[in-house]
């Protein structure tokens, strides 16, 4: 009976260790994806391919909860500012361009090849936000 109890405890311990290892590995994958997106985003910025960052911005925006445009615009600003190639991101205006849907503007200070480049990012403010373009 004692051997049976020790064996059950050993099985539980092994199962718990395997579960912990799986959870640890899956959380590392999420961080790896975030690092990969940051690297890809900044590689495009360093090559001066700002418009090509649009799909990465849209990928991030699609993950946000729908119908929260004000909060999502702030989340986008924070996400951009967390990039290693972005010095500062500032919301210039929220839904200030009267199109259908309205557009918002963010001023982005990029660091590209050691130089600061400031561009204005236009975002479409629908149920879910969407990248439109950059301009000076």
N, C-alpha and C. Protein backbone atom coordinates (compact mmCIF):
# COMPACT_ATOMS: atom_id res chain seq x y z
N UNK A 1 0.82 -1.19 0.00
CA UNK A 1 0.00 0.00 0.00
C UNK A 1 0.87 1.26 0.00
N UNK A 2 1.95 1.26 0.77
CA UNK A 2 2.85 2.40 0.83
C UNK A 2 3.50 2.61 -0.53
N UNK A 3 3.93 1.51 -1.20
CA UNK A 3 4.53 1.63 -2.53
C UNK A 3 3.53 2.20 -3.52
N UNK A 4 2.29 1.81 -3.42
CA UNK A 4 1.24 2.31 -4.32
C UNK A 4 1.04 3.81 -4.13
N UNK A 5 1.07 4.27 -2.88
CA UNK A 5 0.90 5.69 -2.59
C UNK A 5 2.08 6.50 -3.10
N UNK A 6 3.30 5.99 -2.92
CA UNK A 6 4.49 6.67 -3.42
C UNK A 6 4.45 6.74 -4.93
N UNK A 7 4.02 5.69 -5.58
CA UNK A 7 3.93 5.66 -7.04
C UNK A 7 2.92 6.70 -7.55
N UNK A 8 1.78 6.82 -6.88
CA UNK A 8 0.77 7.80 -7.28
C UNK A 8 1.31 9.22 -7.11
N UNK A 9 2.02 9.46 -6.00
CA UNK A 9 2.60 10.78 -5.78
C UNK A 9 3.64 11.11 -6.84
N UNK A 10 4.42 10.12 -7.23
CA UNK A 10 5.43 10.31 -8.27
C UNK A 10 4.77 10.67 -9.61
N UNK A 11 3.69 9.97 -9.95
CA UNK A 11 2.96 10.24 -11.19
C UNK A 11 2.39 11.66 -11.17
N UNK A 12 1.82 12.05 -10.05
CA UNK A 12 1.26 13.40 -9.92
C UNK A 12 2.36 14.44 -10.05
N UNK A 13 3.49 14.19 -9.41
CA UNK A 13 4.62 15.11 -9.48
C UNK A 13 5.14 15.25 -10.91
N UNK A 14 5.28 14.14 -11.62
CA UNK A 14 5.74 14.17 -13.01
C UNK A 14 4.74 14.91 -13.89
N UNK A 15 3.45 14.62 -13.71
CA UNK A 15 2.41 15.29 -14.49
C UNK A 15 2.44 16.79 -14.24
N UNK A 16 2.57 17.20 -12.99
CA UNK A 16 2.63 18.62 -12.64
C UNK A 16 3.84 19.29 -13.28
N UNK A 17 4.97 18.63 -13.26
CA UNK A 17 6.18 19.19 -13.86
C UNK A 17 6.01 19.34 -15.37
N UNK A 18 5.39 18.35 -16.02
CA UNK A 18 5.17 18.44 -17.48
C UNK A 18 4.21 19.57 -17.80
N UNK A 19 3.18 19.73 -17.02
CA UNK A 19 2.21 20.81 -17.23
C UNK A 19 2.89 22.17 -17.08
N UNK A 20 3.69 22.33 -16.05
CA UNK A 20 4.43 23.57 -15.83
C UNK A 20 5.37 23.86 -16.99
N UNK A 21 6.06 22.84 -17.49
CA UNK A 21 6.98 23.02 -18.62
C UNK A 21 6.22 23.46 -19.87
N UNK A 22 5.07 22.87 -20.12
CA UNK A 22 4.27 23.26 -21.29
C UNK A 22 3.80 24.71 -21.19
N UNK A 23 3.35 25.11 -20.03
CA UNK A 23 2.90 26.49 -19.83
C UNK A 23 4.06 27.47 -20.00
N UNK A 24 5.21 27.12 -19.50
CA UNK A 24 6.39 27.98 -19.62
C UNK A 24 6.79 28.14 -21.08
N UNK A 25 6.82 27.04 -21.82
CA UNK A 25 7.21 27.10 -23.22
C UNK A 25 6.22 27.88 -24.06
N UNK A 26 4.93 27.73 -23.78
CA UNK A 26 3.94 28.47 -24.58
C UNK A 26 4.00 29.96 -24.29
N UNK A 27 4.31 30.37 -23.07
CA UNK A 27 4.42 31.80 -22.78
C UNK A 27 5.65 32.38 -23.45
N UNK A 28 6.71 31.61 -23.61
CA UNK A 28 7.90 32.08 -24.32
C UNK A 28 7.59 32.33 -25.78
N UNK A 29 6.76 31.51 -26.39
CA UNK A 29 6.39 31.69 -27.78
C UNK A 29 5.67 33.02 -27.98
N UNK A 30 4.80 33.40 -27.07
CA UNK A 30 4.09 34.67 -27.19
C UNK A 30 5.08 35.82 -27.17
N UNK A 31 6.05 35.78 -26.26
CA UNK A 31 7.04 36.85 -26.20
C UNK A 31 7.89 36.86 -27.46
N UNK A 32 8.18 35.70 -28.01
CA UNK A 32 8.97 35.61 -29.23
C UNK A 32 8.23 36.28 -30.39
N UNK A 33 6.89 36.08 -30.46
CA UNK A 33 6.09 36.73 -31.50
C UNK A 33 6.14 38.24 -31.36
N UNK A 34 6.03 38.74 -30.13
CA UNK A 34 6.08 40.19 -29.89
C UNK A 34 7.44 40.73 -30.31
N UNK A 35 8.52 40.02 -29.95
CA UNK A 35 9.86 40.45 -30.33
C UNK A 35 10.02 40.42 -31.85
N UNK A 36 9.44 39.42 -32.47
CA UNK A 36 9.53 39.29 -33.93
C UNK A 36 8.83 40.45 -34.62
N UNK A 37 7.64 40.81 -34.14
CA UNK A 37 6.91 41.95 -34.71
C UNK A 37 7.69 43.24 -34.52
N UNK A 38 8.30 43.42 -33.36
CA UNK A 38 9.11 44.62 -33.10
C UNK A 38 10.29 44.66 -34.06
N UNK A 39 10.96 43.54 -34.23
CA UNK A 39 12.11 43.47 -35.14
C UNK A 39 11.70 43.77 -36.57
N UNK A 40 10.59 43.16 -37.01
CA UNK A 40 10.12 43.36 -38.38
C UNK A 40 9.71 44.81 -38.59
N UNK A 41 8.96 45.37 -37.63
CA UNK A 41 8.51 46.75 -37.71
C UNK A 41 9.71 47.69 -37.83
N UNK A 42 10.69 47.50 -36.95
CA UNK A 42 11.86 48.39 -36.94
C UNK A 42 12.77 48.16 -38.14
N UNK A 43 12.81 46.96 -38.68
CA UNK A 43 13.58 46.72 -39.89
C UNK A 43 12.98 47.51 -41.05
N UNK A 44 11.66 47.54 -41.14
CA UNK A 44 10.99 48.31 -42.18
C UNK A 44 11.26 49.81 -41.99
N UNK A 45 11.20 50.27 -40.75
CA UNK A 45 11.48 51.68 -40.46
C UNK A 45 12.91 52.03 -40.85
N UNK A 46 13.86 51.18 -40.48
CA UNK A 46 15.27 51.44 -40.80
C UNK A 46 15.53 51.45 -42.30
N UNK A 47 14.69 50.73 -43.06
CA UNK A 47 14.81 50.74 -44.53
C UNK A 47 14.00 51.87 -45.16
N UNK A 48 13.36 52.69 -44.34
CA UNK A 48 12.55 53.79 -44.87
C UNK A 48 11.25 53.34 -45.50
N UNK A 49 10.82 52.11 -45.21
CA UNK A 49 9.59 51.55 -45.79
C UNK A 49 8.44 51.71 -44.78
N UNK A 50 8.09 52.94 -44.49
CA UNK A 50 7.10 53.23 -43.46
C UNK A 50 5.73 52.67 -43.80
N UNK A 51 5.29 52.82 -45.05
CA UNK A 51 3.97 52.32 -45.45
C UNK A 51 3.86 50.81 -45.25
N UNK A 52 4.98 50.12 -45.36
CA UNK A 52 4.98 48.65 -45.21
C UNK A 52 4.72 48.23 -43.77
N UNK A 53 4.77 49.17 -42.82
CA UNK A 53 4.43 48.83 -41.44
C UNK A 53 2.92 48.73 -41.24
N UNK A 54 2.15 49.18 -42.22
CA UNK A 54 0.69 49.16 -42.14
C UNK A 54 0.10 47.81 -41.77
N UNK A 55 0.49 46.72 -42.45
CA UNK A 55 -0.07 45.40 -42.08
C UNK A 55 0.26 44.98 -40.64
N UNK A 56 1.42 45.37 -40.14
CA UNK A 56 1.76 45.04 -38.74
C UNK A 56 0.90 45.85 -37.78
N UNK A 57 0.64 47.10 -38.13
CA UNK A 57 -0.25 47.93 -37.31
C UNK A 57 -1.66 47.35 -37.33
N UNK A 58 -2.14 46.98 -38.52
CA UNK A 58 -3.47 46.38 -38.61
C UNK A 58 -3.57 45.06 -37.85
N UNK A 59 -2.50 44.26 -37.89
CA UNK A 59 -2.47 43.00 -37.15
C UNK A 59 -2.66 43.26 -35.65
N UNK A 60 -1.97 44.29 -35.15
CA UNK A 60 -2.12 44.65 -33.74
C UNK A 60 -3.54 45.16 -33.47
N UNK A 61 -4.06 46.02 -34.32
CA UNK A 61 -5.38 46.60 -34.11
C UNK A 61 -6.49 45.55 -34.13
N UNK A 62 -6.31 44.50 -34.92
CA UNK A 62 -7.32 43.43 -35.01
C UNK A 62 -7.41 42.64 -33.69
N UNK A 63 -6.36 42.66 -32.90
CA UNK A 63 -6.37 41.95 -31.61
C UNK A 63 -7.13 42.70 -30.53
N UNK A 64 -7.40 43.98 -30.76
CA UNK A 64 -8.06 44.80 -29.75
C UNK A 64 -9.58 44.59 -29.78
N UNK A 65 -10.21 44.84 -28.66
CA UNK A 65 -11.65 44.70 -28.55
C UNK A 65 -12.35 45.72 -29.46
N UNK A 66 -13.37 45.28 -30.18
CA UNK A 66 -14.10 46.15 -31.10
C UNK A 66 -14.95 47.17 -30.34
N UNK A 67 -15.32 48.22 -31.03
CA UNK A 67 -16.21 49.27 -30.51
C UNK A 67 -15.65 50.00 -29.30
N UNK A 68 -14.33 50.18 -29.25
CA UNK A 68 -13.68 50.96 -28.19
C UNK A 68 -12.66 51.88 -28.84
N UNK A 69 -13.08 52.74 -29.77
CA UNK A 69 -12.12 53.51 -30.56
C UNK A 69 -11.19 54.40 -29.74
N UNK A 70 -11.71 55.07 -28.72
CA UNK A 70 -10.85 55.97 -27.94
C UNK A 70 -9.78 55.19 -27.18
N UNK A 71 -10.19 54.10 -26.53
CA UNK A 71 -9.24 53.29 -25.79
C UNK A 71 -8.24 52.61 -26.74
N UNK A 72 -8.72 52.17 -27.89
CA UNK A 72 -7.84 51.49 -28.85
C UNK A 72 -6.84 52.45 -29.48
N UNK A 73 -7.23 53.69 -29.66
CA UNK A 73 -6.29 54.69 -30.19
C UNK A 73 -5.16 54.91 -29.18
N UNK A 74 -5.51 54.98 -27.91
CA UNK A 74 -4.49 55.11 -26.86
C UNK A 74 -3.62 53.86 -26.78
N UNK A 75 -4.24 52.69 -26.94
CA UNK A 75 -3.47 51.43 -26.93
C UNK A 75 -2.49 51.41 -28.10
N UNK A 76 -2.92 51.88 -29.26
CA UNK A 76 -2.04 51.95 -30.43
C UNK A 76 -0.87 52.89 -30.15
N UNK A 77 -1.14 54.04 -29.55
CA UNK A 77 -0.08 54.99 -29.22
C UNK A 77 0.96 54.32 -28.31
N UNK A 78 0.49 53.63 -27.29
CA UNK A 78 1.40 52.95 -26.35
C UNK A 78 2.18 51.84 -27.05
N UNK A 79 1.52 51.08 -27.92
CA UNK A 79 2.16 49.99 -28.65
C UNK A 79 3.27 50.53 -29.55
N UNK A 80 2.99 51.63 -30.23
CA UNK A 80 4.01 52.23 -31.09
C UNK A 80 5.18 52.75 -30.26
N UNK A 81 4.87 53.42 -29.17
CA UNK A 81 5.92 54.00 -28.34
C UNK A 81 6.81 52.94 -27.70
N UNK A 82 6.31 51.72 -27.57
CA UNK A 82 7.09 50.63 -27.00
C UNK A 82 8.10 50.05 -28.01
N UNK A 83 7.96 50.41 -29.28
CA UNK A 83 8.88 49.92 -30.31
C UNK A 83 10.25 50.56 -30.10
N UNK A 84 11.29 49.78 -30.32
CA UNK A 84 12.65 50.29 -30.12
C UNK A 84 13.03 51.37 -31.12
N UNK A 85 12.33 51.44 -32.24
CA UNK A 85 12.65 52.44 -33.27
C UNK A 85 11.72 53.66 -33.22
N UNK A 86 10.87 53.73 -32.19
CA UNK A 86 9.96 54.88 -32.03
C UNK A 86 10.38 55.63 -30.77
N UNK A 87 10.73 56.90 -30.96
CA UNK A 87 11.13 57.74 -29.83
C UNK A 87 9.91 58.24 -29.08
N UNK A 88 8.89 58.67 -29.83
CA UNK A 88 7.68 59.21 -29.20
C UNK A 88 6.50 59.06 -30.15
N UNK A 89 5.33 58.80 -29.58
CA UNK A 89 4.08 58.75 -30.34
C UNK A 89 3.06 59.61 -29.60
N UNK A 90 2.45 60.54 -30.32
CA UNK A 90 1.51 61.49 -29.72
C UNK A 90 0.23 61.51 -30.53
N UNK A 91 -0.91 61.42 -29.83
CA UNK A 91 -2.20 61.55 -30.52
C UNK A 91 -2.42 63.04 -30.79
N UNK A 92 -2.48 63.40 -32.07
CA UNK A 92 -2.71 64.80 -32.45
C UNK A 92 -4.19 65.14 -32.36
N UNK A 93 -5.02 64.22 -32.84
CA UNK A 93 -6.46 64.45 -32.78
C UNK A 93 -7.19 63.12 -32.92
N UNK A 94 -8.37 63.07 -32.31
CA UNK A 94 -9.18 61.86 -32.32
C UNK A 94 -10.44 62.13 -33.14
N UNK A 95 -10.57 61.42 -34.25
CA UNK A 95 -11.74 61.55 -35.14
C UNK A 95 -11.93 62.98 -35.63
N UNK A 96 -10.83 63.66 -35.92
CA UNK A 96 -10.88 65.08 -36.30
C UNK A 96 -10.99 65.28 -37.81
N UNK A 97 -10.75 64.25 -38.59
CA UNK A 97 -10.87 64.36 -40.04
C UNK A 97 -12.22 63.75 -40.40
N UNK A 98 -13.11 64.59 -40.90
CA UNK A 98 -14.50 64.21 -41.07
C UNK A 98 -14.74 63.49 -42.39
N UNK A 99 -14.30 62.24 -42.40
CA UNK A 99 -14.57 61.33 -43.51
C UNK A 99 -15.47 60.24 -42.96
N UNK A 100 -15.86 59.32 -43.81
CA UNK A 100 -16.64 58.17 -43.34
C UNK A 100 -15.82 56.91 -43.52
N UNK A 101 -15.36 56.24 -42.49
CA UNK A 101 -15.41 56.67 -41.10
C UNK A 101 -14.42 57.80 -40.84
N UNK A 102 -14.56 58.48 -39.71
CA UNK A 102 -13.62 59.57 -39.39
C UNK A 102 -12.19 59.03 -39.24
N UNK A 103 -11.23 59.95 -39.33
CA UNK A 103 -9.83 59.57 -39.16
C UNK A 103 -9.23 60.32 -37.98
N UNK A 104 -8.24 59.67 -37.38
CA UNK A 104 -7.46 60.29 -36.31
C UNK A 104 -6.03 60.40 -36.79
N UNK A 105 -5.26 61.27 -36.13
CA UNK A 105 -3.86 61.44 -36.49
C UNK A 105 -2.96 61.28 -35.27
N UNK A 106 -1.84 60.60 -35.48
CA UNK A 106 -0.80 60.46 -34.47
C UNK A 106 0.51 60.96 -35.06
N UNK A 107 1.26 61.71 -34.28
CA UNK A 107 2.59 62.12 -34.69
C UNK A 107 3.57 61.08 -34.16
N UNK A 108 4.38 60.52 -35.05
CA UNK A 108 5.32 59.46 -34.68
C UNK A 108 6.74 59.96 -34.95
N UNK A 109 7.57 59.95 -33.92
CA UNK A 109 8.99 60.28 -34.05
C UNK A 109 9.75 58.96 -34.16
N UNK A 110 10.13 58.62 -35.39
CA UNK A 110 10.89 57.40 -35.65
C UNK A 110 12.39 57.68 -35.51
N UNK A 111 13.14 56.64 -35.17
CA UNK A 111 14.60 56.68 -35.23
C UNK A 111 14.98 55.70 -36.33
N UNK A 112 15.44 56.25 -37.45
CA UNK A 112 15.79 55.43 -38.62
C UNK A 112 17.23 55.71 -38.99
N UNK A 113 18.06 54.69 -38.88
CA UNK A 113 19.49 54.80 -39.19
C UNK A 113 20.13 55.97 -38.42
N UNK A 114 19.76 56.09 -37.15
CA UNK A 114 20.35 57.10 -36.29
C UNK A 114 19.76 58.50 -36.43
N UNK A 115 18.80 58.67 -37.34
CA UNK A 115 18.18 59.99 -37.54
C UNK A 115 16.73 59.96 -37.08
N UNK A 116 16.27 61.11 -36.59
CA UNK A 116 14.88 61.25 -36.17
C UNK A 116 14.05 61.69 -37.38
N UNK A 117 12.98 60.94 -37.63
CA UNK A 117 12.06 61.25 -38.73
C UNK A 117 10.66 61.33 -38.13
N UNK A 118 10.00 62.46 -38.29
CA UNK A 118 8.66 62.64 -37.76
C UNK A 118 7.65 62.54 -38.89
N UNK A 119 6.70 61.62 -38.73
CA UNK A 119 5.62 61.45 -39.70
C UNK A 119 4.29 61.46 -38.96
N UNK A 120 3.24 61.80 -39.69
CA UNK A 120 1.89 61.75 -39.14
C UNK A 120 1.23 60.48 -39.66
N UNK A 121 0.67 59.72 -38.73
CA UNK A 121 -0.01 58.47 -39.05
C UNK A 121 -1.51 58.72 -39.04
N UNK A 122 -2.19 58.36 -40.13
CA UNK A 122 -3.64 58.47 -40.20
C UNK A 122 -4.25 57.10 -39.88
N UNK A 123 -5.25 57.09 -39.02
CA UNK A 123 -5.94 55.87 -38.61
C UNK A 123 -7.43 56.05 -38.86
N UNK A 124 -8.02 55.06 -39.53
CA UNK A 124 -9.47 55.05 -39.78
C UNK A 124 -10.16 54.58 -38.50
N UNK A 125 -11.17 55.34 -38.06
CA UNK A 125 -11.83 55.08 -36.78
C UNK A 125 -13.19 54.41 -36.97
N UNK A 126 -13.20 53.15 -37.41
CA UNK A 126 -14.45 52.40 -37.53
C UNK A 126 -14.68 51.58 -36.27
N UNK A 127 -15.51 50.53 -36.41
CA UNK A 127 -15.73 49.62 -35.27
C UNK A 127 -14.40 49.06 -34.79
N UNK A 128 -13.54 48.75 -35.75
CA UNK A 128 -12.15 48.42 -35.40
C UNK A 128 -11.28 49.42 -36.16
N UNK A 129 -10.22 49.87 -35.52
CA UNK A 129 -9.34 50.86 -36.14
C UNK A 129 -8.55 50.21 -37.28
N UNK A 130 -8.13 51.04 -38.24
CA UNK A 130 -7.39 50.52 -39.39
C UNK A 130 -6.37 51.55 -39.87
N UNK A 131 -5.19 51.05 -40.20
CA UNK A 131 -4.12 51.89 -40.75
C UNK A 131 -4.60 52.50 -42.07
N UNK A 132 -4.30 53.78 -42.28
CA UNK A 132 -4.61 54.43 -43.56
C UNK A 132 -3.33 54.79 -44.31
N UNK A 133 -2.51 55.68 -43.71
CA UNK A 133 -1.27 56.09 -44.38
C UNK A 133 -0.42 56.93 -43.42
N UNK A 134 0.78 57.24 -43.90
CA UNK A 134 1.65 58.22 -43.23
C UNK A 134 1.77 59.43 -44.15
N UNK A 135 2.00 60.59 -43.56
CA UNK A 135 2.34 61.78 -44.34
C UNK A 135 3.16 62.71 -43.48
N UNK A 136 3.77 63.70 -44.11
CA UNK A 136 4.61 64.66 -43.37
C UNK A 136 3.78 65.76 -42.77
